[in-house]
Amino acid sequence: MRRLFDVLLTTDPLQRVRLSQSFLAIELMVAGVLTVHYFAWAGVAPRAALWAWTAVSAGGIVLGYVLVRAGATRRFADPSLTVPMMAFAIFCSAWAYALLGPGRGAVFPIVMVTLMFGMFVATPRQIAWVGLYAVALLGAVMLVLARTQPARYPAAVEIGHFLIVATMMPAVAVLAARLAHVRERSRRHRAERETALARIRELATHDELTGLVNRRHLQELMDQEHQRCIRSGQTFCVAVFAIDDFEAHAPRAGGSDALVRDVAQDAQRSVRLADVLGRWDGGRFVLLMSDTRAALARGGVERLRERVAAARAPAGVAVTLSAGLAEHLAGETVAQTLARAEAALADALSQGPDRVVVA
């Protein structure tokens, strides 16, 4: 059974929703067809004409399902074809009204259900237009029938039917439109909530000034890398960077925030996809290089340092970085590896600006 549903509805979650709506439309049409044919069985409607109506009605709904199932409607504004199918169902209802004679009152509930069907997908404006279309179409059919077949469709009765349509259809359309408006507002609030949650997650893991990973999340990533290395036997490297003469450069670069932000942007362009650069504090950064030995990691650190040195900060201030690099050793904690990298950075700073020292 599950395999049959996968064939009919596909395994794509979004497509399954669209096709489920198509199946609901088919079920409504089947119910309508059975109702109409009951009147043929009761002898109040022409059987031959109803078979032609059935072929067109069922064929149109099935065609809609096939188009959605084949993916031919994916590029449409309404991929599920809800509004076109509603318009088609109302057209078929108006046709059935012309065939059913004494049983034509059964058409009204079908039209109302059709309008209610669209409230979960169509916009309030679309539902309003479909409601007006239903009133206009049924009113035109009633007028033609009252003039061409007055014995079967008395004008007085058709006027009464039109008054029902002209009052009930807009009322149903308004209710459906209000529900659709509530649905749209709920969807908008849900989207806003998801955006806010994504922003909160972003702020929880990234530095707001630079966009780099923040210290807390970088610590978590280093702990994860440490556990991975314990399992795999591989290693990783940590480099700690400091902006040389940070306090002296900051005023000429537009302030400490501007300097840190610009250096972070320049440095990020030199980082491998597998590595993570984060802001540690003030004018210091930490680079986590996974599955890397110190000899290879030093080349990456040098490239980052050279990239920053080649760039020009605001106001033409030349900025350099010093770095301390440490390769994680077996049996060592992350804190111990970081401490060795920071000691190497202190050694680099003591030797002069724009240097890299390996622990």
Protein backbone atom coordinates (compact mmCIF):
# COMPACT_ATOMS: atom_id res chain seq x y z
CA MET A 1 0.00 0.00 0.00
CA ARG A 2 2.82 2.39 0.88
CA ARG A 3 4.48 1.69 -2.46
CA LEU A 4 1.21 2.48 -4.23
CA PHE A 5 0.97 5.83 -2.40
CA ASP A 6 4.58 6.59 -3.37
CA VAL A 7 3.69 5.94 -7.03
CA LEU A 8 0.55 8.06 -6.91
CA LEU A 9 1.82 10.87 -4.68
CA THR A 10 5.64 10.65 -5.20
CA THR A 11 8.12 10.77 -2.31
CA ASP A 12 8.69 14.54 -2.54
CA PRO A 13 6.96 16.02 0.57
CA LEU A 14 5.89 19.25 -1.17
CA GLN A 15 4.64 17.38 -4.24
CA ARG A 16 2.73 14.94 -2.03
CA VAL A 17 0.80 17.86 -0.53
CA ARG A 18 -0.11 19.15 -3.99
CA LEU A 19 -1.15 15.71 -5.22
CA SER A 20 -3.15 15.08 -2.05
CA GLN A 21 -5.15 18.21 -2.91
CA SER A 22 -5.66 16.84 -6.42
CA PHE A 23 -6.90 13.55 -4.96
CA LEU A 24 -9.32 15.44 -2.72
CA ALA A 25 -10.64 17.25 -5.80
CA ILE A 26 -11.08 13.89 -7.53
CA GLU A 27 -12.98 12.53 -4.51
CA LEU A 28 -15.29 15.56 -4.53
CA MET A 29 -15.87 15.11 -8.25
CA VAL A 30 -16.68 11.41 -7.77
CA ALA A 31 -19.22 12.34 -5.10
CA GLY A 32 -20.72 14.91 -7.46
CA VAL A 33 -20.88 12.42 -10.33
CA LEU A 34 -22.66 9.84 -8.17
CA THR A 35 -25.15 12.47 -7.02
CA VAL A 36 -25.87 13.60 -10.55
CA HIS A 37 -26.31 10.05 -11.82
CA TYR A 38 -28.76 9.36 -9.02
CA PHE A 39 -31.09 11.87 -10.67
CA ALA A 40 -30.62 10.11 -13.98
CA TRP A 41 -31.58 6.85 -12.28
CA ALA A 42 -34.59 8.65 -10.76
CA GLY A 43 -35.66 9.65 -14.26
CA VAL A 44 -35.45 13.44 -13.88
CA ALA A 45 -32.30 13.97 -15.97
CA PRO A 46 -31.26 12.77 -19.47
CA ARG A 47 -28.87 9.81 -19.08
CA ALA A 48 -26.98 10.29 -22.38
CA ALA A 49 -26.23 13.96 -21.68
CA LEU A 50 -25.06 13.12 -18.18
CA TRP A 51 -22.55 10.58 -19.50
CA ALA A 52 -21.04 13.29 -21.71
CA TRP A 53 -20.94 15.61 -18.70
CA THR A 54 -19.27 12.86 -16.64
CA ALA A 55 -16.58 12.30 -19.28
CA VAL A 56 -15.67 15.98 -19.44
CA SER A 57 -15.86 16.56 -15.67
CA ALA A 58 -13.87 13.51 -14.63
CA GLY A 59 -11.45 13.93 -17.53
CA GLY A 60 -10.66 17.53 -16.56
CA ILE A 61 -9.96 16.68 -12.91
CA VAL A 62 -7.81 13.68 -13.84
CA LEU A 63 -5.90 15.82 -16.36
CA GLY A 64 -5.16 18.28 -13.57
CA TYR A 65 -3.78 15.46 -11.42
CA VAL A 66 -1.61 14.17 -14.28
CA LEU A 67 -0.13 17.64 -14.89
CA VAL A 68 0.71 18.08 -11.22
CA ARG A 69 2.07 14.52 -10.93
CA ALA A 70 4.30 15.00 -13.98
CA GLY A 71 5.73 18.19 -12.52
CA ALA A 72 4.53 20.27 -15.47
CA THR A 73 3.06 22.87 -13.09
CA ARG A 74 6.12 23.41 -10.86
CA ARG A 75 6.94 26.76 -12.48
CA PHE A 76 3.37 28.07 -12.11
CA ALA A 77 2.42 30.55 -9.40
CA ASP A 78 -0.15 27.95 -8.28
CA PRO A 79 1.61 24.56 -8.81
CA SER A 80 -1.35 22.63 -7.39
CA LEU A 81 -3.74 24.25 -9.93
CA THR A 82 -6.22 24.91 -7.12
CA VAL A 83 -7.84 28.01 -8.62
CA PRO A 84 -8.09 26.60 -12.20
CA MET A 85 -9.59 23.39 -10.80
CA MET A 86 -12.09 25.40 -8.73
CA ALA A 87 -13.13 27.36 -11.81
CA PHE A 88 -13.45 24.12 -13.79
CA ALA A 89 -15.55 22.49 -11.05
CA ILE A 90 -17.91 25.49 -10.96
CA PHE A 91 -18.24 25.33 -14.75
CA CYS A 92 -19.15 21.63 -14.49
CA SER A 93 -21.63 22.46 -11.72
CA ALA A 94 -23.32 25.07 -13.92
CA TRP A 95 -23.51 22.52 -16.73
CA ALA A 96 -25.04 19.95 -14.36
CA TYR A 97 -27.58 22.57 -13.24
CA ALA A 98 -28.74 22.86 -16.85
CA LEU A 99 -29.20 19.06 -17.08
CA LEU A 100 -30.80 18.13 -13.78
CA GLY A 101 -34.14 19.87 -14.10
CA PRO A 102 -36.10 19.22 -10.87
CA GLY A 103 -32.93 17.99 -9.18
CA ARG A 104 -30.87 21.07 -9.96
CA GLY A 105 -30.89 22.27 -6.34
CA ALA A 106 -28.28 19.58 -5.57
CA VAL A 107 -25.73 21.68 -7.44
CA PHE A 108 -25.65 24.47 -4.83
CA PRO A 109 -23.93 22.46 -2.05
CA ILE A 110 -21.35 21.21 -4.55
CA VAL A 111 -20.47 24.76 -5.54
CA MET A 112 -20.21 25.82 -1.90
CA VAL A 113 -17.92 22.88 -1.10
CA THR A 114 -15.81 23.87 -4.09
CA LEU A 115 -15.37 27.36 -2.66
CA MET A 116 -14.52 25.96 0.77
CA PHE A 117 -11.98 23.62 -0.85
CA GLY A 118 -9.91 26.56 -2.01
CA MET A 119 -9.67 28.35 1.33
CA PHE A 120 -6.62 26.28 2.35
CA VAL A 121 -4.58 27.24 -0.72
CA ALA A 122 -6.02 30.23 -2.57
CA THR A 123 -5.52 33.82 -1.48
CA PRO A 124 -8.49 35.89 -0.24
CA ARG A 125 -8.53 37.85 -3.51
CA GLN A 126 -8.57 34.64 -5.59
CA ILE A 127 -11.45 33.23 -3.55
CA ALA A 128 -13.40 36.46 -3.97
CA TRP A 129 -12.95 36.35 -7.74
CA VAL A 130 -13.95 32.68 -7.88
CA GLY A 131 -17.08 33.51 -5.85
CA LEU A 132 -18.04 36.29 -8.26
CA TYR A 133 -17.36 33.96 -11.18
CA ALA A 134 -19.73 31.36 -9.64
CA VAL A 135 -22.52 33.90 -9.18
CA ALA A 136 -22.10 35.30 -12.70
CA LEU A 137 -21.92 31.90 -14.40
CA LEU A 138 -24.83 30.33 -12.55
CA GLY A 139 -26.87 33.50 -12.99
CA ALA A 140 -26.24 33.45 -16.76
CA VAL A 141 -27.22 29.77 -16.97
CA MET A 142 -30.43 30.41 -15.00
CA LEU A 143 -31.33 33.33 -17.26
CA VAL A 144 -30.80 31.29 -20.44
CA LEU A 145 -32.74 28.31 -19.09
CA ALA A 146 -35.66 30.49 -17.92
CA ARG A 147 -35.94 31.96 -21.43
CA THR A 148 -35.37 28.81 -23.49
CA GLN A 149 -37.09 26.19 -21.29
CA PRO A 150 -39.69 28.08 -19.23
CA ALA A 151 -41.76 24.95 -18.55
CA ARG A 152 -38.83 23.03 -17.05
CA TYR A 153 -37.11 26.08 -15.51
CA PRO A 154 -39.85 28.59 -14.50
CA ALA A 155 -38.60 32.16 -14.27
CA ALA A 156 -40.02 32.64 -10.76
CA VAL A 157 -38.14 29.58 -9.50
CA GLU A 158 -34.91 30.63 -11.24
CA ILE A 159 -35.14 34.09 -9.69
CA GLY A 160 -35.45 32.43 -6.28
CA HIS A 161 -32.45 30.19 -7.05
CA PHE A 162 -30.43 33.18 -8.18
CA LEU A 163 -31.24 35.03 -4.97
CA ILE A 164 -29.92 32.01 -3.05
CA VAL A 165 -26.76 31.99 -5.15
CA ALA A 166 -26.31 35.77 -4.96
CA THR A 167 -26.52 35.74 -1.16
CA MET A 168 -25.02 32.40 -0.14
CA MET A 169 -22.08 32.27 -2.55
CA PRO A 170 -20.62 35.64 -1.55
CA ALA A 171 -21.15 34.75 2.11
CA VAL A 172 -19.25 31.48 1.67
CA ALA A 173 -16.59 33.31 -0.33
CA VAL A 174 -16.19 35.91 2.44
CA LEU A 175 -15.86 33.20 5.10
CA ALA A 176 -13.37 31.33 2.96
CA ALA A 177 -11.45 34.54 2.31
CA ARG A 178 -11.29 35.31 6.03
CA LEU A 179 -9.99 31.83 6.77
CA ALA A 180 -7.48 32.20 3.96
CA HIS A 181 -6.39 35.53 5.46
CA VAL A 182 -5.91 33.85 8.85
CA ARG A 183 -3.91 31.12 7.14
CA GLU A 184 -1.71 33.67 5.37
CA ARG A 185 -1.14 35.58 8.60
CA SER A 186 -0.26 32.36 10.40
CA ARG A 187 2.15 31.43 7.61
CA ARG A 188 3.74 34.89 7.74
CA HIS A 189 4.13 34.70 11.52
CA ARG A 190 5.65 31.24 11.21
CA ALA A 191 8.14 32.50 8.63
CA GLU A 192 9.02 35.46 10.85
CA ARG A 193 9.47 33.13 13.81
CA GLU A 194 11.74 30.83 11.80
CA THR A 195 13.78 33.83 10.66
CA ALA A 196 14.09 35.02 14.24
CA LEU A 197 15.17 31.56 15.42
CA ALA A 198 17.74 31.38 12.64
CA ARG A 199 19.02 34.80 13.70
CA ILE A 200 19.23 33.65 17.33
CA ARG A 201 21.17 30.55 16.28
CA GLU A 202 23.46 32.74 14.20
CA LEU A 203 24.11 35.08 17.13
CA ALA A 204 24.70 32.12 19.43
CA THR A 205 27.49 30.71 17.23
CA HIS A 206 28.93 33.72 15.40
CA ASP A 207 30.56 36.99 16.33
CA GLU A 208 28.16 39.81 15.46
CA LEU A 209 30.93 42.25 14.45
CA THR A 210 32.96 40.04 12.11
CA GLY A 211 30.58 37.24 11.18
CA LEU A 212 33.25 34.72 12.20
CA VAL A 213 32.60 31.84 14.56
CA ASN A 214 32.59 33.15 18.13
CA ARG A 215 34.82 31.93 20.93
CA ARG A 216 32.26 29.68 22.60
CA HIS A 217 31.30 27.88 19.42
CA LEU A 218 34.94 27.63 18.31
CA GLN A 219 35.72 25.95 21.62
CA GLU A 220 32.92 23.46 20.94
CA LEU A 221 34.30 22.76 17.46
CA MET A 222 37.79 22.20 18.84
CA ASP A 223 36.40 19.76 21.42
CA GLN A 224 34.58 17.89 18.64
CA GLU A 225 37.74 17.82 16.55
CA HIS A 226 39.64 16.49 19.57
CA GLN A 227 37.16 13.63 20.00
CA ARG A 228 37.32 12.82 16.30
CA CYS A 229 41.11 12.66 16.44
CA ILE A 230 40.97 10.30 19.43
CA ARG A 231 38.80 7.93 17.38
CA SER A 232 40.70 8.24 14.09
CA GLY A 233 44.26 8.68 15.29
CA GLN A 234 44.64 11.79 13.14
CA THR A 235 45.63 15.21 14.40
CA PHE A 236 44.81 18.88 14.00
CA CYS A 237 46.50 22.24 14.38
CA VAL A 238 45.53 25.46 16.12
CA ALA A 239 46.91 28.88 15.21
CA VAL A 240 46.39 31.99 17.34
CA PHE A 241 46.69 35.33 15.50
CA ALA A 242 47.09 38.81 16.92
CA ILE A 243 46.95 42.14 15.09
CA ASP A 244 50.33 43.78 15.48
CA ASP A 245 50.25 47.19 17.19
CA PHE A 246 46.48 46.87 17.53
CA GLU A 247 46.05 49.85 19.86
CA ALA A 248 48.18 52.09 17.62
CA HIS A 249 46.51 51.10 14.34
CA ALA A 250 42.89 51.23 15.58
CA PRO A 251 42.42 55.04 15.66
CA ARG A 252 43.86 55.49 12.16
CA ALA A 253 41.77 52.58 10.78
CA GLY A 254 38.45 54.08 11.88
CA GLY A 255 38.32 52.50 15.29
CA SER A 256 39.01 49.09 16.77
CA ASP A 257 35.73 47.60 15.47
CA ALA A 258 36.42 48.67 11.89
CA LEU A 259 39.96 47.33 12.08
CA VAL A 260 38.90 43.95 13.47
CA ARG A 261 36.08 43.63 10.93
CA ASP A 262 38.32 44.42 7.94
CA VAL A 263 41.10 42.09 9.08
CA ALA A 264 38.55 39.30 9.64
CA GLN A 265 37.19 39.73 6.11
CA ASP A 266 40.67 39.61 4.57
CA ALA A 267 41.71 36.61 6.66
CA GLN A 268 38.51 34.64 5.93
CA ARG A 269 39.29 34.69 2.20
CA SER A 270 42.45 32.67 2.82
CA VAL A 271 40.89 29.92 4.92
CA ARG A 272 40.23 26.44 3.51
CA LEU A 273 36.66 25.19 3.46
CA ALA A 274 37.64 22.44 5.92
CA ASP A 275 39.12 24.92 8.42
CA VAL A 276 37.38 27.32 10.80
CA LEU A 277 38.46 30.84 11.61
CA GLY A 278 36.96 32.44 14.69
CA ARG A 279 37.31 35.60 16.69
CA TRP A 280 38.86 34.85 20.06
CA ASP A 281 38.89 38.26 21.76
CA GLY A 282 39.80 41.87 20.93
CA GLY A 283 42.22 41.80 18.02
CA ARG A 284 42.97 38.08 18.28
CA PHE A 285 41.71 35.22 16.11
CA VAL A 286 42.02 31.43 16.24
CA LEU A 287 42.25 29.15 13.21
CA LEU A 288 41.30 25.48 13.61
CA MET A 289 42.86 23.30 10.90
CA SER A 290 41.49 19.76 10.87
CA ASP A 291 43.47 16.69 9.81
CA THR A 292 46.63 18.77 9.31
CA ARG A 293 50.26 18.47 10.44
CA ALA A 294 52.26 21.50 11.54
CA ALA A 295 54.50 21.48 8.45
CA LEU A 296 51.47 21.79 6.14
CA ALA A 297 49.55 24.07 8.48
CA ARG A 298 52.36 26.60 8.56
CA GLY A 299 51.94 27.21 4.82
CA GLY A 300 48.29 28.02 5.37
CA VAL A 301 49.08 30.35 8.26
CA GLU A 302 51.72 32.14 6.18
CA ARG A 303 49.27 32.63 3.32
CA LEU A 304 46.70 34.10 5.67
CA ARG A 305 49.28 36.42 7.20
CA GLU A 306 50.50 37.54 3.76
CA ARG A 307 46.93 38.12 2.57
CA VAL A 308 46.21 40.44 5.46
CA ALA A 309 49.56 42.22 5.11
CA ALA A 310 48.91 42.83 1.40
CA ALA A 311 45.50 44.35 2.06
CA ARG A 312 44.99 48.00 2.97
CA ALA A 313 42.73 48.90 5.87
CA PRO A 314 40.66 52.13 5.84
CA ALA A 315 42.70 55.38 5.82
CA GLY A 316 45.60 53.55 4.16
CA VAL A 317 46.76 51.81 7.34
CA ALA A 318 48.96 48.76 6.66
CA VAL A 319 48.11 45.91 9.04
CA THR A 320 50.15 42.80 9.87
CA LEU A 321 49.51 39.71 11.95
CA SER A 322 51.71 37.62 14.18
CA ALA A 323 50.79 34.00 14.80
CA GLY A 324 51.59 31.09 17.06
CA LEU A 325 50.97 27.59 15.64
CA ALA A 326 50.66 24.34 17.61
CA GLU A 327 49.98 20.81 16.42
CA HIS A 328 47.83 18.77 18.77
CA LEU A 329 49.78 15.97 20.42
CA ALA A 330 48.43 12.56 21.44
CA GLY A 331 47.24 12.58 25.05
CA GLU A 332 47.04 16.37 25.09
CA THR A 333 43.90 18.34 25.95
CA VAL A 334 42.56 21.12 23.74
CA ALA A 335 43.43 23.63 26.45
CA GLN A 336 47.04 22.42 26.44
CA THR A 337 47.28 22.72 22.66
CA LEU A 338 45.85 26.23 22.83
CA ALA A 339 48.27 27.17 25.59
CA ARG A 340 51.22 26.10 23.44
CA ALA A 341 49.87 28.09 20.49
CA GLU A 342 49.47 31.18 22.68
CA ALA A 343 53.00 30.72 24.02
CA ALA A 344 54.24 30.53 20.42
CA LEU A 345 52.33 33.75 19.66
CA ALA A 346 53.96 35.47 22.62
CA ASP A 347 57.34 34.35 21.27
CA ALA A 348 56.48 35.74 17.81
CA LEU A 349 55.39 39.09 19.26
CA SER A 350 58.62 39.33 21.25
CA GLN A 351 60.67 38.86 18.06
CA GLY A 352 58.89 41.61 16.15
CA PRO A 353 55.75 42.10 14.01
CA ASP A 354 54.56 39.98 11.08
CA ARG A 355 55.98 36.63 12.25
CA VAL A 356 54.87 33.02 12.63
CA VAL A 357 56.32 30.78 15.34
CA VAL A 358 55.57 27.04 15.56
CA ALA A 359 55.39 25.54 19.04
